[in-house]
Amino acid sequence: MDNKENHKRVTRAAKKRAASSMPESQSPQLPATKKRVVLGELPNSQSNVVSNPTPILEPKKAKCRLKKKEVKPAGPNIDADTADPQMCGPYASEIFEYLRSMEIEEKRRPIPDYLEKIQKDVTANMRGILVDWLVEVSEEYKLVSDTLYLTISYIDRFLSSHPINRQRLQLLGISCMLIAAKYEEISPPHVEDFCYITDNTYKKEEVVKMESDILKFLNFEMGNPTIKTFLRKFTKAAQDDQKSPNLQLEFLGCYLGELSLLDYSCIRFLPSMVAASIVFLSRFTKRPKLHPWNSTLQHCTGYRPSDLRDCVLALHDLQLNRKGGSLVAVRDKYKQYKQFKCVATLASPPEIPTAYFDDV
C-alpha cells in the first residue's frame, strides 16, 4: 500500500510540474457552464456571447429586399396607398389585367341569346322570377353579395348548354347557390336548408345530383370574375378625390348591380362593362348636372363614355322601373335605411344628356 501511495504522489507532482512549465495560452480551461437562452434574447454582439470550446456560427443578417425599379404608371394608381388588404395594392394592376383577360374566356361567358337558341321551356320572365327569388334566399341566409353574383353566373352558363324544363329551374337555382356559398361563405347553408327553402319540393338526393352535374360542367373551376369583382375597384376610383367613403354612392352601385342581374338582356355585356356603367349611372343620379365620367375613371376602367352608352341606358331603364317592375325583391331590399340608406328611392332624371356619352 505504501509503494502505491508513493507512486500516486510522484505522479501528481509530475503533472503539476508539467502544467507549470506549459505556456499560459496552452493551459487547459474548463468549459463554461451553458445557459438556456430564449431565441428572442440572443445577443447581437460577440462580446456578450458565452465562451464555448466549440465555435458558434453567428447567424447571418437578413438581406435587405431589393427595391423594385419604380415605373411611373400611365395614369393615377388609386390602389397604391390603400389600407384594405383585399385590394392588394402592390399587385392591383396585374390582378386587374388578369381578371379582364379571364372574363372574356368563352368557357366563362354565357351565350347572349341562350333562351332562344338552347332553351325550349324556359323564358326570360321565368329567369327573372328565379333571380328575384334567389335575392330573397340570399337575404334569408345572410349570404354575401359575391355568392349571389356567382350563383347567377353559374345559372346562365349552365343554361347556355343544358336544356331543362321549367320544373327543374328552381332546382338549378338552389344547386348553383349551394356551390357558390361553399366557395364564398365561411359558414354556408347545408343542403337541407336549400331543400327547406323550396318547401321540400326537391329531395336532398336531387340537389346533390344537380350539384354534381354543375360542378362537372364547370370542370370544378368555381372562381369567376363577376360584376361585384370590378365594382369594388371602380367605386373606389369614383370617390378617390373624397376624404371619406361615400356610402350612399357605394350602396347605389350595389343596388344597380343587383338590378342588372334581373335583366336577361344585360348578360350580353361583360361584367367589367356593367360595373363601369353602374358607376357612370350612380354618379349621374347623385349629381346629374355634372359630367359623370373623367380621365381617372377612363384610365381605371378602360372604358370611354361612348363604350358604355348601351349598357348605361339599359340600367337606367331598370332604375326607372321601365323594365322588371313586377320583380320587387331587390327594390325592397335597398329601400331599407339602416342597411342601405334607402338608395332604391333615389330619383334619377328621366333622360341622360347625349353629350355625356361623348368621349372625355
Protein backbone atom coordinates (compact mmCIF):
# COMPACT_ATOMS: atom_id res chain seq x y z
CA MET A 1 0.00 0.00 0.00
CA ASP A 2 2.90 2.38 0.87
CA ASN A 3 4.50 1.83 -2.55
CA LYS A 4 1.17 2.62 -4.29
CA GLU A 5 0.68 5.83 -2.28
CA ASN A 6 4.25 6.93 -3.04
CA HIS A 7 3.61 6.26 -6.75
CA LYS A 8 0.43 8.43 -6.73
CA ARG A 9 2.25 11.32 -5.04
CA VAL A 10 5.06 11.16 -7.61
CA THR A 11 2.52 11.11 -10.47
CA ARG A 12 0.59 14.12 -9.11
CA ALA A 13 3.80 16.08 -8.57
CA ALA A 14 4.94 15.33 -12.13
CA LYS A 15 1.65 16.57 -13.53
CA LYS A 16 1.90 19.81 -11.55
CA ARG A 17 5.43 20.45 -12.82
CA ALA A 18 4.33 19.78 -16.40
CA ALA A 19 1.39 22.16 -16.08
CA SER A 20 3.55 24.92 -14.59
CA SER A 21 6.05 24.62 -17.44
CA MET A 22 3.33 24.98 -20.21
CA PRO A 23 2.66 28.42 -21.78
CA GLU A 24 -0.34 30.20 -20.34
CA SER A 25 -2.14 30.25 -23.70
CA GLN A 26 -1.99 26.44 -23.93
CA SER A 27 -3.19 25.75 -20.40
CA PRO A 28 -6.38 23.67 -20.39
CA GLN A 29 -9.57 25.51 -19.46
CA LEU A 30 -12.75 24.07 -18.06
CA PRO A 31 -15.72 24.64 -20.32
CA ALA A 32 -18.00 27.44 -19.14
CA THR A 33 -21.41 26.49 -17.80
CA LYS A 34 -24.07 26.64 -20.60
CA LYS A 35 -27.13 28.82 -20.11
CA ARG A 36 -30.58 28.40 -21.64
CA VAL A 37 -31.35 31.43 -23.76
CA VAL A 38 -34.65 32.44 -25.25
CA LEU A 39 -34.23 32.88 -29.03
CA GLY A 40 -35.58 36.38 -28.84
CA GLU A 41 -32.89 37.30 -26.26
CA LEU A 42 -29.83 36.17 -28.23
CA PRO A 43 -27.21 38.98 -28.12
CA ASN A 44 -26.13 40.64 -31.35
CA SER A 45 -22.50 41.44 -30.40
CA GLN A 46 -19.83 38.78 -29.93
CA SER A 47 -18.56 40.37 -26.68
CA ASN A 48 -21.62 39.14 -24.82
CA VAL A 49 -21.52 35.59 -26.18
CA VAL A 50 -20.71 32.94 -23.59
CA SER A 51 -17.35 31.34 -24.41
CA ASN A 52 -17.52 27.75 -25.62
CA PRO A 53 -14.78 25.39 -26.85
CA THR A 54 -16.98 24.63 -29.90
CA PRO A 55 -17.12 27.63 -32.25
CA ILE A 56 -20.64 29.06 -32.67
CA LEU A 57 -21.66 30.31 -36.07
CA GLU A 58 -23.06 33.78 -35.86
CA PRO A 59 -26.45 33.98 -37.57
CA LYS A 60 -26.33 35.85 -40.84
CA LYS A 61 -28.22 39.10 -41.03
CA ALA A 62 -31.27 39.01 -43.25
CA LYS A 63 -30.55 40.51 -46.60
CA CYS A 64 -32.49 43.62 -47.48
CA ARG A 65 -35.09 43.12 -50.17
CA LEU A 66 -34.09 44.67 -53.42
CA LYS A 67 -36.32 47.57 -54.22
CA LYS A 68 -38.18 47.25 -57.47
CA LYS A 69 -37.47 49.88 -60.01
CA GLU A 70 -40.21 52.42 -59.82
CA VAL A 71 -42.19 52.52 -63.04
CA LYS A 72 -44.41 55.51 -63.41
CA PRO A 73 -47.96 54.42 -64.30
CA ALA A 74 -49.64 55.80 -67.38
CA GLY A 75 -52.39 57.22 -65.18
CA PRO A 76 -53.27 57.60 -61.50
CA ASN A 77 -52.69 54.50 -59.39
CA ILE A 78 -55.63 54.53 -57.00
CA ASP A 79 -54.61 51.31 -55.28
CA ALA A 80 -51.07 52.28 -54.33
CA ASP A 81 -51.79 53.56 -50.82
CA THR A 82 -54.91 51.61 -49.92
CA ALA A 83 -55.05 50.14 -46.44
CA ASP A 84 -57.55 47.47 -47.46
CA PRO A 85 -55.63 44.17 -47.78
CA GLN A 86 -58.31 42.77 -50.08
CA MET A 87 -57.45 45.41 -52.66
CA CYS A 88 -53.85 44.03 -52.86
CA GLY A 89 -52.43 47.45 -53.70
CA PRO A 90 -48.92 46.41 -54.87
CA TYR A 91 -50.36 43.87 -57.31
CA ALA A 92 -53.63 45.60 -58.20
CA SER A 93 -52.78 46.40 -61.82
CA GLU A 94 -51.58 42.84 -62.57
CA ILE A 95 -54.66 41.35 -60.90
CA PHE A 96 -56.95 43.66 -62.86
CA GLU A 97 -55.33 42.70 -66.17
CA TYR A 98 -55.70 39.02 -65.28
CA LEU A 99 -59.39 39.42 -64.39
CA ARG A 100 -60.07 41.32 -67.62
CA SER A 101 -58.45 38.52 -69.62
CA MET A 102 -60.39 35.90 -67.65
CA GLU A 103 -63.82 37.48 -68.11
CA ILE A 104 -63.63 37.23 -71.90
CA GLU A 105 -62.82 33.50 -71.92
CA GLU A 106 -65.51 31.61 -73.81
CA LYS A 107 -65.98 29.00 -71.10
CA ARG A 108 -66.75 31.73 -68.54
CA ARG A 109 -69.31 33.57 -70.67
CA PRO A 110 -72.98 32.66 -71.20
CA ILE A 111 -74.41 32.73 -74.71
CA PRO A 112 -76.21 36.12 -75.01
CA ASP A 113 -79.28 34.53 -76.62
CA TYR A 114 -79.29 31.09 -74.99
CA LEU A 115 -83.03 31.26 -74.22
CA GLU A 116 -83.76 31.47 -77.94
CA LYS A 117 -81.11 29.00 -79.12
CA ILE A 118 -80.88 26.39 -76.34
CA GLN A 119 -83.91 26.51 -74.05
CA LYS A 120 -87.36 25.39 -75.18
CA ASP A 121 -89.31 25.56 -71.91
CA VAL A 122 -87.68 28.49 -70.07
CA THR A 123 -88.41 32.17 -70.77
CA ALA A 124 -86.77 35.46 -69.80
CA ASN A 125 -89.64 36.12 -67.39
CA MET A 126 -89.06 32.77 -65.63
CA ARG A 127 -85.37 33.54 -65.31
CA GLY A 128 -86.19 36.94 -63.81
CA ILE A 129 -88.57 35.39 -61.27
CA LEU A 130 -85.88 32.85 -60.29
CA VAL A 131 -83.23 35.57 -59.79
CA ASP A 132 -85.68 37.70 -57.80
CA TRP A 133 -86.42 34.73 -55.52
CA LEU A 134 -82.71 33.94 -55.08
CA VAL A 135 -82.18 37.52 -53.87
CA GLU A 136 -84.70 36.76 -51.11
CA VAL A 137 -82.96 33.46 -50.31
CA SER A 138 -79.58 35.21 -50.01
CA GLU A 139 -81.19 37.69 -47.61
CA GLU A 140 -82.81 34.89 -45.61
CA TYR A 141 -79.49 33.12 -45.08
CA LYS A 142 -77.47 36.37 -44.84
CA LEU A 143 -75.16 35.45 -47.72
CA VAL A 144 -72.57 37.89 -49.05
CA SER A 145 -73.31 39.58 -52.36
CA ASP A 146 -70.44 37.74 -54.08
CA THR A 147 -72.37 34.50 -53.55
CA LEU A 148 -75.41 35.91 -55.32
CA TYR A 149 -73.44 37.18 -58.33
CA LEU A 150 -71.56 33.89 -58.66
CA THR A 151 -74.85 31.97 -58.44
CA ILE A 152 -76.38 33.87 -61.37
CA SER A 153 -73.19 33.39 -63.36
CA TYR A 154 -73.40 29.61 -62.88
CA ILE A 155 -77.10 29.58 -63.84
CA ASP A 156 -76.63 31.49 -67.10
CA ARG A 157 -73.59 29.47 -68.13
CA PHE A 158 -75.30 26.13 -67.38
CA LEU A 159 -78.45 27.15 -69.24
CA SER A 160 -76.29 28.11 -72.22
CA SER A 161 -75.55 24.44 -72.91
CA HIS A 162 -78.11 22.31 -70.99
CA PRO A 163 -81.80 22.43 -71.96
CA ILE A 164 -84.00 21.91 -68.88
CA ASN A 165 -87.73 22.04 -68.23
CA ARG A 166 -89.31 24.71 -66.09
CA GLN A 167 -89.99 22.31 -63.20
CA ARG A 168 -86.23 21.91 -62.66
CA LEU A 169 -85.32 25.59 -62.97
CA GLN A 170 -85.64 26.21 -59.24
CA LEU A 171 -83.57 23.09 -58.55
CA LEU A 172 -80.85 24.53 -60.76
CA GLY A 173 -81.03 27.82 -58.84
CA ILE A 174 -80.60 26.37 -55.36
CA SER A 175 -77.89 23.96 -56.52
CA CYS A 176 -75.90 26.83 -58.06
CA MET A 177 -76.32 28.86 -54.87
CA LEU A 178 -75.17 25.88 -52.80
CA ILE A 179 -71.94 25.69 -54.82
CA ALA A 180 -71.38 29.46 -54.73
CA ALA A 181 -71.99 29.52 -50.95
CA LYS A 182 -69.46 26.74 -50.39
CA TYR A 183 -66.96 28.76 -52.42
CA GLU A 184 -67.59 32.19 -50.87
CA GLU A 185 -69.08 31.76 -47.40
CA ILE A 186 -67.37 30.98 -44.10
CA SER A 187 -70.40 29.01 -42.88
CA PRO A 188 -72.50 28.10 -45.93
CA PRO A 189 -76.05 26.75 -45.57
CA HIS A 190 -76.46 22.98 -45.74
CA VAL A 191 -78.20 21.02 -48.49
CA GLU A 192 -81.16 20.53 -46.14
CA ASP A 193 -81.52 24.30 -45.79
CA PHE A 194 -81.95 24.70 -49.53
CA CYS A 195 -84.45 21.84 -49.63
CA TYR A 196 -86.41 23.52 -46.84
CA ILE A 197 -86.45 26.92 -48.57
CA THR A 198 -88.22 25.27 -51.54
CA ASP A 199 -90.82 23.79 -49.17
CA ASN A 200 -89.16 20.39 -49.76
CA THR A 201 -90.13 20.40 -53.41
CA TYR A 202 -86.81 18.67 -54.10
CA LYS A 203 -85.16 15.88 -52.15
CA LYS A 204 -81.62 16.08 -50.87
CA GLU A 205 -80.50 13.46 -53.41
CA GLU A 206 -81.84 15.57 -56.28
CA VAL A 207 -79.96 18.66 -55.12
CA VAL A 208 -76.72 16.70 -54.68
CA LYS A 209 -77.10 15.15 -58.16
CA MET A 210 -77.70 18.56 -59.74
CA GLU A 211 -74.75 19.98 -57.80
CA SER A 212 -72.57 17.21 -59.22
CA ASP A 213 -73.74 17.92 -62.79
CA ILE A 214 -72.99 21.64 -62.42
CA LEU A 215 -69.52 21.02 -60.98
CA LYS A 216 -68.65 18.65 -63.81
CA PHE A 217 -69.85 21.25 -66.30
CA LEU A 218 -67.68 23.90 -64.62
CA ASN A 219 -64.79 21.43 -64.54
CA PHE A 220 -64.61 22.34 -60.83
CA GLU A 221 -63.38 25.84 -61.74
CA MET A 222 -65.71 27.74 -59.45
CA GLY A 223 -63.91 31.09 -59.35
CA ASN A 224 -65.07 33.66 -61.88
CA PRO A 225 -64.88 37.47 -62.13
CA THR A 226 -68.33 38.99 -61.63
CA ILE A 227 -69.83 42.47 -61.69
CA LYS A 228 -69.09 42.76 -57.97
CA THR A 229 -65.41 41.95 -58.56
CA PHE A 230 -64.93 45.02 -60.74
CA LEU A 231 -67.43 47.23 -58.93
CA ARG A 232 -65.24 47.34 -55.80
CA LYS A 233 -62.30 48.79 -57.72
CA PHE A 234 -64.33 51.16 -59.88
CA THR A 235 -66.32 52.55 -56.96
CA LYS A 236 -63.10 53.36 -55.16
CA ALA A 237 -61.84 55.23 -58.23
CA ALA A 238 -65.12 57.14 -58.42
CA GLN A 239 -64.58 58.65 -54.97
CA ASP A 240 -60.81 58.88 -54.89
CA ASP A 241 -61.00 62.67 -54.54
CA GLN A 242 -63.07 62.39 -51.34
CA LYS A 243 -61.55 62.15 -47.89
CA SER A 244 -64.12 59.68 -46.53
CA PRO A 245 -66.05 56.88 -48.29
CA ASN A 246 -69.37 57.87 -49.82
CA LEU A 247 -71.60 55.09 -48.50
CA GLN A 248 -74.63 56.22 -50.44
CA LEU A 249 -72.69 56.00 -53.71
CA GLU A 250 -71.46 52.52 -52.77
CA PHE A 251 -74.94 51.28 -51.85
CA LEU A 252 -76.41 52.79 -55.01
CA GLY A 253 -73.83 50.85 -57.03
CA CYS A 254 -74.75 47.62 -55.22
CA TYR A 255 -78.43 48.29 -55.90
CA LEU A 256 -77.93 48.86 -59.62
CA GLY A 257 -75.67 45.82 -59.80
CA GLU A 258 -78.33 43.50 -58.38
CA LEU A 259 -80.97 45.07 -60.63
CA SER A 260 -78.81 44.17 -63.62
CA LEU A 261 -78.94 40.50 -62.60
CA LEU A 262 -82.71 40.51 -63.16
CA ASP A 263 -82.46 41.58 -66.79
CA TYR A 264 -81.74 38.81 -69.30
CA SER A 265 -80.60 41.37 -71.88
CA CYS A 266 -77.73 42.51 -69.61
CA ILE A 267 -75.84 39.21 -69.91
CA ARG A 268 -74.54 40.32 -73.31
CA PHE A 269 -72.33 42.86 -71.55
CA LEU A 270 -69.03 41.93 -69.89
CA PRO A 271 -69.05 42.16 -66.07
CA SER A 272 -66.43 44.94 -66.17
CA MET A 273 -68.58 46.96 -68.60
CA VAL A 274 -71.65 46.58 -66.38
CA ALA A 275 -69.61 47.66 -63.35
CA ALA A 276 -68.28 50.73 -65.17
CA SER A 277 -71.79 51.61 -66.37
CA ILE A 278 -73.07 51.30 -62.81
CA VAL A 279 -70.51 53.84 -61.63
CA PHE A 280 -71.44 56.15 -64.53
CA LEU A 281 -75.17 55.97 -63.68
CA SER A 282 -74.58 56.25 -59.92
CA ARG A 283 -72.61 59.46 -60.32
CA PHE A 284 -75.23 60.82 -62.71
CA THR A 285 -78.01 60.01 -60.23
CA LYS A 286 -76.19 61.78 -57.41
CA ARG A 287 -75.12 64.86 -59.39
CA PRO A 288 -76.99 64.99 -62.71
CA LYS A 289 -75.64 68.42 -63.72
CA LEU A 290 -72.01 67.27 -63.66
CA HIS A 291 -70.41 65.01 -66.26
CA PRO A 292 -70.31 61.56 -64.60
CA TRP A 293 -67.07 60.46 -66.28
CA ASN A 294 -63.48 61.69 -66.10
CA SER A 295 -59.97 60.73 -67.15
CA THR A 296 -59.30 58.87 -63.88
CA LEU A 297 -62.31 56.61 -64.37
CA GLN A 298 -61.46 56.11 -68.03
CA HIS A 299 -57.94 55.03 -67.14
CA CYS A 300 -59.07 52.83 -64.25
CA THR A 301 -61.91 51.03 -66.07
CA GLY A 302 -60.51 51.03 -69.59
CA TYR A 303 -63.85 52.28 -70.96
CA ARG A 304 -64.79 55.51 -72.68
CA PRO A 305 -68.27 57.02 -72.23
CA SER A 306 -69.20 56.02 -75.77
CA ASP A 307 -68.36 52.40 -74.95
CA LEU A 308 -70.84 52.41 -72.06
CA ARG A 309 -73.82 54.02 -73.77
CA ASP A 310 -75.98 50.91 -74.42
CA CYS A 311 -75.28 49.38 -71.03
CA VAL A 312 -75.94 52.62 -69.14
CA LEU A 313 -79.27 53.11 -70.91
CA ALA A 314 -80.31 49.53 -70.11
CA LEU A 315 -79.51 50.06 -66.43
CA HIS A 316 -81.29 53.41 -66.47
CA ASP A 317 -84.48 51.71 -67.69
CA LEU A 318 -84.22 49.24 -64.79
CA GLN A 319 -83.64 52.04 -62.30
CA LEU A 320 -86.67 53.97 -63.54
CA ASN A 321 -88.81 50.82 -63.36
CA ARG A 322 -89.35 50.78 -67.11
CA LYS A 323 -88.36 47.09 -67.08
CA GLY A 324 -88.77 44.38 -64.47
CA GLY A 325 -91.33 46.32 -62.47
CA SER A 326 -93.01 43.19 -61.11
CA LEU A 327 -89.76 41.93 -59.56
CA VAL A 328 -89.57 43.70 -56.21
CA ALA A 329 -87.07 41.78 -54.04
CA VAL A 330 -84.07 43.96 -54.95
CA ARG A 331 -86.06 47.19 -54.69
CA ASP A 332 -87.50 46.25 -51.29
CA LYS A 333 -84.06 45.23 -50.05
CA TYR A 334 -82.48 48.58 -50.91
CA LYS A 335 -85.37 50.64 -49.57
CA GLN A 336 -84.11 49.90 -46.04
CA TYR A 337 -82.49 52.91 -44.40
CA LYS A 338 -80.45 51.22 -41.69
CA GLN A 339 -78.59 48.91 -44.06
CA PHE A 340 -78.65 50.69 -47.43
CA LYS A 341 -79.72 54.31 -46.81
CA CYS A 342 -82.88 53.95 -48.98
CA VAL A 343 -80.89 54.17 -52.24
CA ALA A 344 -83.74 52.44 -54.10
CA THR A 345 -85.82 55.59 -53.59
CA LEU A 346 -83.28 57.98 -55.11
CA ALA A 347 -84.79 59.74 -58.12
CA SER A 348 -82.84 59.83 -61.36
CA PRO A 349 -83.64 62.24 -64.23
CA PRO A 350 -85.70 60.51 -66.93
CA GLU A 351 -83.15 61.29 -69.64
CA ILE A 352 -79.37 61.23 -69.72
CA PRO A 353 -77.88 64.07 -71.83
CA THR A 354 -76.40 62.75 -75.08
CA ALA A 355 -73.32 64.92 -74.53
CA TYR A 356 -72.39 62.79 -71.51
CA PHE A 357 -71.60 59.91 -73.86
CA ASP A 358 -69.07 61.92 -75.80
CA ASP A 359 -65.54 60.79 -75.08
CA VAL A 360 -63.67 62.87 -72.50
